[in-house]
């Protein structure tokens, strides 16, 4: 999904509750109150083609949340937006307004697609067909970018060589963005992030790592202080994506204050689990990890938890309550807790749970060893075992001392 789509979705999700809560109840009096005036239609397109008026209108509808938060209500909202945007695009507006309305229209279609509106793909195809006939240079440039976005989304259908060719095209966009052209730079960065995410999502880790390195190289070459953190994140991502088939380095301090080095578990199958007590998906995965630990520990399976918590008290209470038997690393020093955990930063961990499985030779065999994939991998590495019955989280209070 394009960046604008995420912005719209976030705006709708966040704004609706606020709008609902902001309505004050009418005062209670003995007098008969007049019927409230009908609210103006937010999707009524202003007359004419004045650029300022049109920009304000586009900005307003982009920020207007659905009145109903059901699937049907949201889709009705998107359809009304679409009708209004089609009206704007049919007028003889200036090119800049046309481009903004076009991007917003594609964002709405993306959102409709996410809500499984069957009409969205055909509407997108029809809009793209009209744009491809437009001779304005700015529109041609927009079409080229939209087509590239579609190709990025379909990376999984391309052979390896064509995937790298697409990566090179995106890298060239970063390289060719003018020093003062922040819009072109932002668009190229959006493309780069989408490319990296898709390659990682289809588990083409070698090319995902190569892409991250290439994007970091070209962004770093711009010597723009605003990009320094992004460059560091891309370099860290490439380190993580290069792990399959290679060794992983993990050194830290356990929650008990002991020094730890992953090398101490040589010859074992090890699950490195980045997690936190506040992370719902992490807690949901915990019973699966505990079950596998119970089944395979005697055969050489170990778990190393790396907590991204910011509270030692919360972490210790959770470990005690859940009776976690494996080692847990916790970076307590100022500036190193939470997402600033040094190991998480080094490997570009930006979402948890992040679970990495290492075989007996010390080589990473999976970057996503969770759910049903974990028992399948353990059976392959350590052989079949009789699994204990499934169990949920331990919800009883911690044992008193």
Protein backbone atom coordinates (compact mmCIF):
# COMPACT_ATOMS: atom_id res chain seq x y z
CA UNK A 1 0.00 0.00 0.00
CA UNK A 2 1.24 3.49 -0.77
CA UNK A 3 2.17 5.90 1.99
CA UNK A 4 -0.87 8.13 1.35
CA UNK A 5 -3.15 5.15 1.89
CA UNK A 6 -1.66 4.50 5.29
CA UNK A 7 -2.11 8.15 6.18
CA UNK A 8 -5.75 8.04 5.19
CA UNK A 9 -6.40 4.82 7.07
CA UNK A 10 -4.67 6.17 10.17
CA UNK A 11 -6.61 9.42 9.97
CA UNK A 12 -9.90 7.55 9.73
CA UNK A 13 -9.05 5.21 12.59
CA UNK A 14 -7.84 7.96 14.90
CA UNK A 15 -10.25 10.76 14.07
CA UNK A 16 -13.56 8.93 14.28
CA UNK A 17 -13.56 8.30 18.06
CA UNK A 18 -12.54 11.88 18.72
CA UNK A 19 -15.34 13.23 16.56
CA UNK A 20 -17.89 10.98 18.21
CA UNK A 21 -16.78 11.94 21.70
CA UNK A 22 -16.60 15.65 20.96
CA UNK A 23 -20.34 16.07 20.45
CA UNK A 24 -21.85 17.68 23.55
CA UNK A 25 -25.35 16.69 24.62
CA UNK A 26 -27.96 19.42 24.04
CA UNK A 27 -29.08 21.31 27.14
CA UNK A 28 -32.30 20.12 28.79
CA UNK A 29 -34.91 22.92 28.91
CA UNK A 30 -38.67 23.17 28.99
CA UNK A 31 -38.74 24.87 25.62
CA UNK A 32 -39.21 22.99 22.40
CA UNK A 33 -35.92 22.89 20.56
CA UNK A 34 -35.73 23.63 16.88
CA UNK A 35 -34.89 20.84 14.47
CA UNK A 36 -31.13 20.86 13.84
CA UNK A 37 -30.06 22.01 10.42
CA UNK A 38 -28.89 19.30 8.06
CA UNK A 39 -25.12 18.97 8.05
CA UNK A 40 -23.47 20.08 4.80
CA UNK A 41 -22.32 17.28 2.50
CA UNK A 42 -18.52 17.07 2.94
CA UNK A 43 -18.20 15.49 -0.51
CA UNK A 44 -20.06 18.23 -2.40
CA UNK A 45 -17.46 19.51 -4.87
CA UNK A 46 -17.26 23.33 -5.01
CA UNK A 47 -18.24 24.97 -8.27
CA UNK A 48 -15.60 26.10 -10.71
CA UNK A 49 -11.90 25.25 -10.93
CA UNK A 50 -10.24 27.74 -8.59
CA UNK A 51 -6.98 26.09 -7.49
CA UNK A 52 -7.03 27.34 -3.90
CA UNK A 53 -10.63 26.25 -3.40
CA UNK A 54 -9.90 22.85 -4.91
CA UNK A 55 -6.81 22.29 -2.77
CA UNK A 56 -8.78 23.11 0.37
CA UNK A 57 -11.54 20.74 -0.70
CA UNK A 58 -9.10 17.88 -1.38
CA UNK A 59 -7.43 18.47 1.95
CA UNK A 60 -10.80 18.43 3.72
CA UNK A 61 -12.09 15.19 2.25
CA UNK A 62 -8.73 13.50 2.86
CA UNK A 63 -9.15 14.31 6.56
CA UNK A 64 -12.84 13.48 6.84
CA UNK A 65 -13.37 10.18 8.71
CA UNK A 66 -16.23 7.76 7.99
CA UNK A 67 -19.33 8.35 10.12
CA UNK A 68 -19.84 4.59 10.44
CA UNK A 69 -16.92 2.32 11.28
CA UNK A 70 -18.45 -0.87 9.94
CA UNK A 71 -17.01 -2.37 6.74
CA UNK A 72 -20.11 -1.27 4.83
CA UNK A 73 -19.96 2.23 6.30
CA UNK A 74 -16.28 2.65 5.49
CA UNK A 75 -16.74 1.41 1.92
CA UNK A 76 -19.68 3.77 1.40
CA UNK A 77 -17.43 6.59 2.61
CA UNK A 78 -14.71 5.60 0.13
CA UNK A 79 -17.21 5.41 -2.72
CA UNK A 80 -18.44 8.93 -1.95
CA UNK A 81 -14.85 10.15 -1.90
CA UNK A 82 -14.28 8.43 -5.23
CA UNK A 83 -17.28 10.12 -6.85
CA UNK A 84 -16.10 13.52 -5.61
CA UNK A 85 -12.54 12.93 -6.82
CA UNK A 86 -13.76 11.74 -10.22
CA UNK A 87 -15.72 15.00 -10.48
CA UNK A 88 -12.56 17.01 -9.77
CA UNK A 89 -10.53 14.99 -12.29
CA UNK A 90 -13.17 15.57 -14.98
CA UNK A 91 -12.82 19.35 -14.68
CA UNK A 92 -10.23 21.56 -16.33
CA UNK A 93 -8.25 22.08 -13.12
CA UNK A 94 -4.61 23.09 -13.07
CA UNK A 95 -2.11 20.27 -13.37
CA UNK A 96 -0.94 20.42 -9.75
CA UNK A 97 -4.49 20.00 -8.47
CA UNK A 98 -5.05 17.19 -10.98
CA UNK A 99 -1.99 15.33 -9.70
CA UNK A 100 -3.03 15.65 -6.05
CA UNK A 101 -6.55 14.45 -6.83
CA UNK A 102 -5.17 11.55 -8.86
CA UNK A 103 -2.88 10.34 -6.08
CA UNK A 104 -5.71 10.65 -3.58
CA UNK A 105 -7.97 8.67 -5.92
CA UNK A 106 -5.46 5.84 -6.11
CA UNK A 107 -5.09 5.91 -2.33
CA UNK A 108 -8.85 5.51 -1.95
CA UNK A 109 -8.81 2.60 -4.41
CA UNK A 110 -6.02 0.98 -2.42
CA UNK A 111 -8.11 1.26 0.73
CA UNK A 112 -11.16 -0.13 -1.04
CA UNK A 113 -9.00 -3.04 -2.11
CA UNK A 114 -7.95 -3.63 1.49
CA UNK A 115 -11.61 -3.79 2.45
CA UNK A 116 -12.15 -6.34 -0.35
CA UNK A 117 -14.26 -4.17 -2.62
CA UNK A 118 -14.52 -6.21 -5.82
CA UNK A 119 -14.94 -3.09 -7.97
CA UNK A 120 -11.62 -1.53 -6.94
CA UNK A 121 -9.28 -3.39 -9.37
CA UNK A 122 -11.40 -2.53 -12.43
CA UNK A 123 -11.73 1.09 -11.31
CA UNK A 124 -7.96 1.30 -10.87
CA UNK A 125 -7.39 -0.19 -14.31
CA UNK A 126 -9.83 2.27 -15.91
CA UNK A 127 -8.21 5.25 -14.20
CA UNK A 128 -4.75 4.11 -15.24
CA UNK A 129 -5.97 3.74 -18.83
CA UNK A 130 -7.16 7.36 -18.88
CA UNK A 131 -3.92 8.63 -17.39
CA UNK A 132 -1.82 6.78 -19.96
CA UNK A 133 -3.52 8.82 -22.70
CA UNK A 134 -2.71 12.14 -21.01
CA UNK A 135 0.13 13.96 -22.81
CA UNK A 136 1.11 16.31 -19.99
CA UNK A 137 4.73 15.64 -18.92
CA UNK A 138 3.82 15.79 -15.23
CA UNK A 139 1.09 13.20 -15.72
CA UNK A 140 3.41 10.95 -17.72
CA UNK A 141 5.88 11.12 -14.85
CA UNK A 142 3.14 10.20 -12.37
CA UNK A 143 2.03 7.28 -14.55
CA UNK A 144 5.60 5.98 -14.70
CA UNK A 145 5.81 6.07 -10.91
CA UNK A 146 2.44 4.39 -10.45
CA UNK A 147 3.42 1.66 -12.90
CA UNK A 148 6.67 1.15 -11.00
CA UNK A 149 4.69 0.83 -7.77
CA UNK A 150 2.56 -1.88 -9.36
CA UNK A 151 5.68 -3.71 -10.51
CA UNK A 152 7.13 -3.52 -6.99
CA UNK A 153 3.92 -4.98 -5.56
CA UNK A 154 4.26 -7.86 -8.04
CA UNK A 155 7.95 -8.57 -7.37
CA UNK A 156 7.11 -12.09 -6.26
CA UNK A 157 5.96 -12.95 -9.79
CA UNK A 158 9.26 -11.90 -11.38
CA UNK A 159 12.37 -14.07 -11.90
CA UNK A 160 15.46 -13.19 -9.86
CA UNK A 161 17.26 -11.13 -12.51
CA UNK A 162 14.21 -8.96 -13.13
CA UNK A 163 13.81 -8.39 -9.39
CA UNK A 164 17.33 -6.97 -9.18
CA UNK A 165 16.74 -4.86 -12.28
CA UNK A 166 13.76 -3.32 -10.50
CA UNK A 167 15.90 -2.71 -7.41
CA UNK A 168 18.43 -0.91 -9.63
CA UNK A 169 15.67 1.30 -11.07
CA UNK A 170 14.55 2.32 -7.59
CA UNK A 171 18.15 2.98 -6.54
CA UNK A 172 18.57 5.19 -9.61
CA UNK A 173 15.56 7.23 -8.49
CA UNK A 174 17.36 7.96 -5.20
CA UNK A 175 20.54 8.84 -7.06
CA UNK A 176 18.78 11.11 -9.56
CA UNK A 177 16.57 13.02 -7.10
CA UNK A 178 17.72 16.64 -7.10
CA UNK A 179 19.48 18.05 -4.05
CA UNK A 180 16.63 20.48 -3.43
CA UNK A 181 13.82 18.24 -4.68
CA UNK A 182 12.46 16.86 -1.42
CA UNK A 183 9.33 15.55 -3.12
CA UNK A 184 11.30 13.40 -5.57
CA UNK A 185 13.54 12.21 -2.74
CA UNK A 186 10.57 11.26 -0.57
CA UNK A 187 8.95 9.39 -3.43
CA UNK A 188 12.15 7.46 -4.12
CA UNK A 189 12.47 6.60 -0.42
CA UNK A 190 8.88 5.35 -0.35
CA UNK A 191 9.67 3.16 -3.36
CA UNK A 192 12.82 1.85 -1.70
CA UNK A 193 11.01 0.95 1.52
CA UNK A 194 8.23 -0.81 -0.41
CA UNK A 195 10.77 -2.76 -2.46
CA UNK A 196 12.62 -3.92 0.65
CA UNK A 197 9.39 -4.91 2.41
CA UNK A 198 8.10 -6.92 -0.56
CA UNK A 199 11.40 -8.77 -1.07
CA UNK A 200 11.55 -9.65 2.61
CA UNK A 201 7.88 -10.63 2.60
CA UNK A 202 8.45 -13.17 -0.19
CA UNK A 203 11.54 -14.39 1.72
CA UNK A 204 13.98 -13.46 -1.04
CA UNK A 205 16.49 -12.57 1.65
CA UNK A 206 19.63 -12.34 -0.54
CA UNK A 207 18.05 -9.74 -2.83
CA UNK A 208 16.34 -7.98 0.07
CA UNK A 209 19.76 -7.62 1.73
CA UNK A 210 21.35 -6.45 -1.52
CA UNK A 211 18.56 -3.90 -1.99
CA UNK A 212 18.95 -2.55 1.55
CA UNK A 213 22.71 -2.15 1.04
CA UNK A 214 22.26 -0.43 -2.30
CA UNK A 215 19.62 1.97 -1.00
CA UNK A 216 21.80 2.76 2.03
CA UNK A 217 24.74 3.47 -0.28
CA UNK A 218 22.87 5.96 -2.45
CA UNK A 219 21.09 7.66 0.45
CA UNK A 220 24.38 7.95 2.34
CA UNK A 221 26.06 9.47 -0.70
CA UNK A 222 23.65 12.41 -0.51
CA UNK A 223 25.33 13.47 2.77
CA UNK A 224 22.00 14.68 4.12
CA UNK A 225 21.87 14.70 7.95
CA UNK A 226 18.13 13.99 7.80
CA UNK A 227 18.86 10.61 6.22
CA UNK A 228 21.52 9.39 8.66
CA UNK A 229 19.12 7.33 10.78
CA UNK A 230 17.48 5.82 7.72
CA UNK A 231 20.87 4.82 6.33
CA UNK A 232 21.78 3.19 9.65
CA UNK A 233 18.47 1.31 9.71
CA UNK A 234 18.95 0.03 6.16
CA UNK A 235 22.47 -1.15 7.00
CA UNK A 236 21.12 -2.93 10.08
CA UNK A 237 18.34 -4.52 8.02
CA UNK A 238 20.91 -5.84 5.56
CA UNK A 239 22.81 -7.49 8.42
CA UNK A 240 19.66 -9.31 9.53
CA UNK A 241 18.68 -10.29 6.00
CA UNK A 242 22.14 -11.74 5.39
CA UNK A 243 21.85 -14.05 8.41
CA UNK A 244 20.35 -17.13 6.68
CA UNK A 245 23.22 -19.56 6.18
CA UNK A 246 25.51 -17.49 8.40
CA UNK A 247 26.32 -17.15 12.10
CA UNK A 248 24.57 -14.68 14.39
CA UNK A 249 26.35 -12.70 17.08
CA UNK A 250 24.49 -12.25 20.37
CA UNK A 251 26.21 -10.87 23.45
CA UNK A 252 24.53 -9.19 26.39
CA UNK A 253 23.51 -9.32 30.02
CA UNK A 254 20.81 -11.57 31.40
CA UNK A 255 18.00 -10.23 33.56
CA UNK A 256 19.91 -11.78 36.48
CA UNK A 257 22.97 -9.67 35.71
CA UNK A 258 25.10 -12.45 34.19
CA UNK A 259 27.17 -11.95 31.03
CA UNK A 260 25.97 -14.02 28.08
CA UNK A 261 27.47 -15.03 24.73
CA UNK A 262 25.56 -17.09 22.18
CA UNK A 263 28.76 -19.04 21.52
CA UNK A 264 28.20 -20.76 24.88
CA UNK A 265 25.39 -22.72 23.19
CA UNK A 266 27.50 -24.16 20.36
CA UNK A 267 26.14 -27.46 19.09
CA UNK A 268 22.59 -26.61 20.19
CA UNK A 269 19.57 -25.61 18.15
CA UNK A 270 18.80 -22.09 19.39
CA UNK A 271 15.76 -19.86 19.00
CA UNK A 272 16.66 -16.17 19.41
CA UNK A 273 13.41 -14.42 20.33
CA UNK A 274 13.07 -10.62 20.35
CA UNK A 275 9.95 -9.86 22.41
CA UNK A 276 8.39 -7.72 25.16
CA UNK A 277 5.81 -8.24 27.88
CA UNK A 278 3.60 -5.51 26.39
CA UNK A 279 3.57 -7.17 22.94
CA UNK A 280 0.28 -9.00 22.31
CA UNK A 281 1.56 -11.21 19.46
CA UNK A 282 4.62 -12.10 21.58
CA UNK A 283 2.40 -13.24 24.44
CA UNK A 284 0.22 -15.18 22.00
CA UNK A 285 3.28 -17.03 20.66
CA UNK A 286 4.71 -17.83 24.10
CA UNK A 287 2.68 -21.04 24.69
CA UNK A 288 3.98 -22.41 21.39
CA UNK A 289 7.60 -21.68 22.36
CA UNK A 290 7.13 -23.17 25.84
CA UNK A 291 5.58 -26.29 24.34
CA UNK A 292 8.49 -26.73 21.91
CA UNK A 293 11.00 -26.09 24.68
CA UNK A 294 9.41 -28.78 26.83
CA UNK A 295 9.37 -31.24 23.93
CA UNK A 296 12.84 -30.60 22.51
CA UNK A 297 15.01 -29.23 25.30
CA UNK A 298 16.42 -32.64 26.22
CA UNK A 299 17.32 -33.16 22.56
CA UNK A 300 19.38 -29.95 22.41
CA UNK A 301 16.92 -27.08 21.92
CA UNK A 302 17.56 -23.77 23.68
CA UNK A 303 15.79 -20.41 23.68
CA UNK A 304 17.40 -17.01 24.19
CA UNK A 305 14.89 -14.26 24.86
CA UNK A 306 15.90 -10.66 24.15
CA UNK A 307 13.48 -8.40 26.00
CA UNK A 308 12.62 -4.98 24.60
CA UNK A 309 10.88 -4.00 27.82
CA UNK A 310 11.64 -0.71 29.53
CA UNK A 311 10.67 -1.84 33.02
CA UNK A 312 12.71 -4.43 34.89
CA UNK A 313 9.87 -4.88 37.39
CA UNK A 314 7.35 -5.71 34.66
CA UNK A 315 9.76 -8.11 33.01
CA UNK A 316 10.71 -9.94 36.20
CA UNK A 317 7.07 -10.26 37.27
CA UNK A 318 6.12 -11.69 33.87
CA UNK A 319 9.03 -14.15 33.81
CA UNK A 320 8.07 -15.38 37.27
CA UNK A 321 4.37 -15.61 36.49
CA UNK A 322 4.95 -17.51 33.26
CA UNK A 323 7.74 -19.65 34.76
CA UNK A 324 10.06 -18.97 31.83
CA UNK A 325 12.91 -21.50 32.04
CA UNK A 326 15.30 -20.09 29.45
CA UNK A 327 17.77 -17.23 29.54
CA UNK A 328 16.43 -13.70 28.98
CA UNK A 329 18.68 -10.79 28.04
CA UNK A 330 17.79 -7.29 29.22
CA UNK A 331 19.71 -4.09 28.47
CA UNK A 332 18.96 -1.90 31.45
CA UNK A 333 21.41 0.94 30.94
CA UNK A 334 19.96 4.32 30.03
CA UNK A 335 19.37 4.70 26.31
CA UNK A 336 19.55 0.95 25.63
CA UNK A 337 16.10 -0.21 26.71
CA UNK A 338 13.08 -0.87 24.53
CA UNK A 339 13.65 -0.43 20.81
CA UNK A 340 17.10 0.95 21.59
CA UNK A 341 18.29 -2.50 22.67
CA UNK A 342 21.78 -2.77 21.11
CA UNK A 343 21.21 -6.23 19.63
CA UNK A 344 17.84 -5.19 18.18
CA UNK A 345 19.41 -2.06 16.67
CA UNK A 346 22.33 -4.01 15.23
CA UNK A 347 20.02 -6.36 13.36
CA UNK A 348 17.39 -3.80 12.40
CA UNK A 349 14.57 -5.30 14.44
CA UNK A 350 11.55 -3.05 13.83
CA UNK A 351 8.72 -5.42 14.74
CA UNK A 352 8.22 -8.12 17.35
CA UNK A 353 8.05 -10.98 17.86
CA UNK A 354 11.14 -11.44 15.70
CA UNK A 355 12.31 -15.05 15.98
CA UNK A 356 15.50 -16.41 14.45
CA UNK A 357 16.37 -20.12 14.50
CA UNK A 358 19.97 -21.35 14.51
CA UNK A 359 21.00 -24.94 13.78
CA UNK A 360 23.62 -27.14 15.46
CA UNK A 361 26.34 -25.76 13.18
CA UNK A 362 25.62 -22.24 14.36
CA UNK A 363 24.01 -21.18 11.07
CA UNK A 364 20.71 -19.32 10.84
CA UNK A 365 18.03 -21.43 9.16
CA UNK A 366 14.96 -19.19 9.59
CA UNK A 367 14.11 -15.54 10.22
CA UNK A 368 10.47 -16.34 11.01
CA UNK A 369 10.43 -19.45 13.20
CA UNK A 370 7.03 -18.99 14.84
CA UNK A 371 3.64 -20.62 14.76
CA UNK A 372 3.54 -23.96 12.90
CA UNK A 373 6.91 -23.27 11.27
CA UNK A 374 8.76 -23.72 14.58
CA UNK A 375 7.72 -27.35 15.27
CA UNK A 376 8.27 -28.23 11.60
CA UNK A 377 11.82 -26.87 11.71
CA UNK A 378 12.61 -28.52 15.03
CA UNK A 379 11.41 -31.88 13.76
CA UNK A 380 13.66 -31.47 10.74
CA UNK A 381 16.69 -30.55 12.86
CA UNK A 382 16.17 -32.74 15.94
CA UNK A 383 13.81 -35.47 14.83
CA UNK A 384 10.19 -36.27 15.70
CA UNK A 385 9.01 -36.24 19.31
CA UNK A 386 5.74 -36.68 21.13
CA UNK A 387 4.50 -33.15 21.69
CA UNK A 388 2.94 -32.20 25.03
CA UNK A 389 -0.68 -30.93 25.01
CA UNK A 390 -1.22 -27.34 24.00
CA UNK A 391 -1.62 -24.80 26.79
CA UNK A 392 -2.31 -21.08 27.06
CA UNK A 393 -0.63 -18.37 29.10
CA UNK A 394 -0.27 -18.92 32.83
CA UNK A 395 -2.67 -16.33 34.27
CA UNK A 396 -2.23 -17.00 37.97
CA UNK A 397 -0.50 -14.30 40.05
CA UNK A 398 3.25 -14.61 40.69
CA UNK A 399 4.28 -16.89 43.51
CA UNK A 400 4.90 -15.06 46.77
CA UNK A 401 8.34 -15.29 48.30
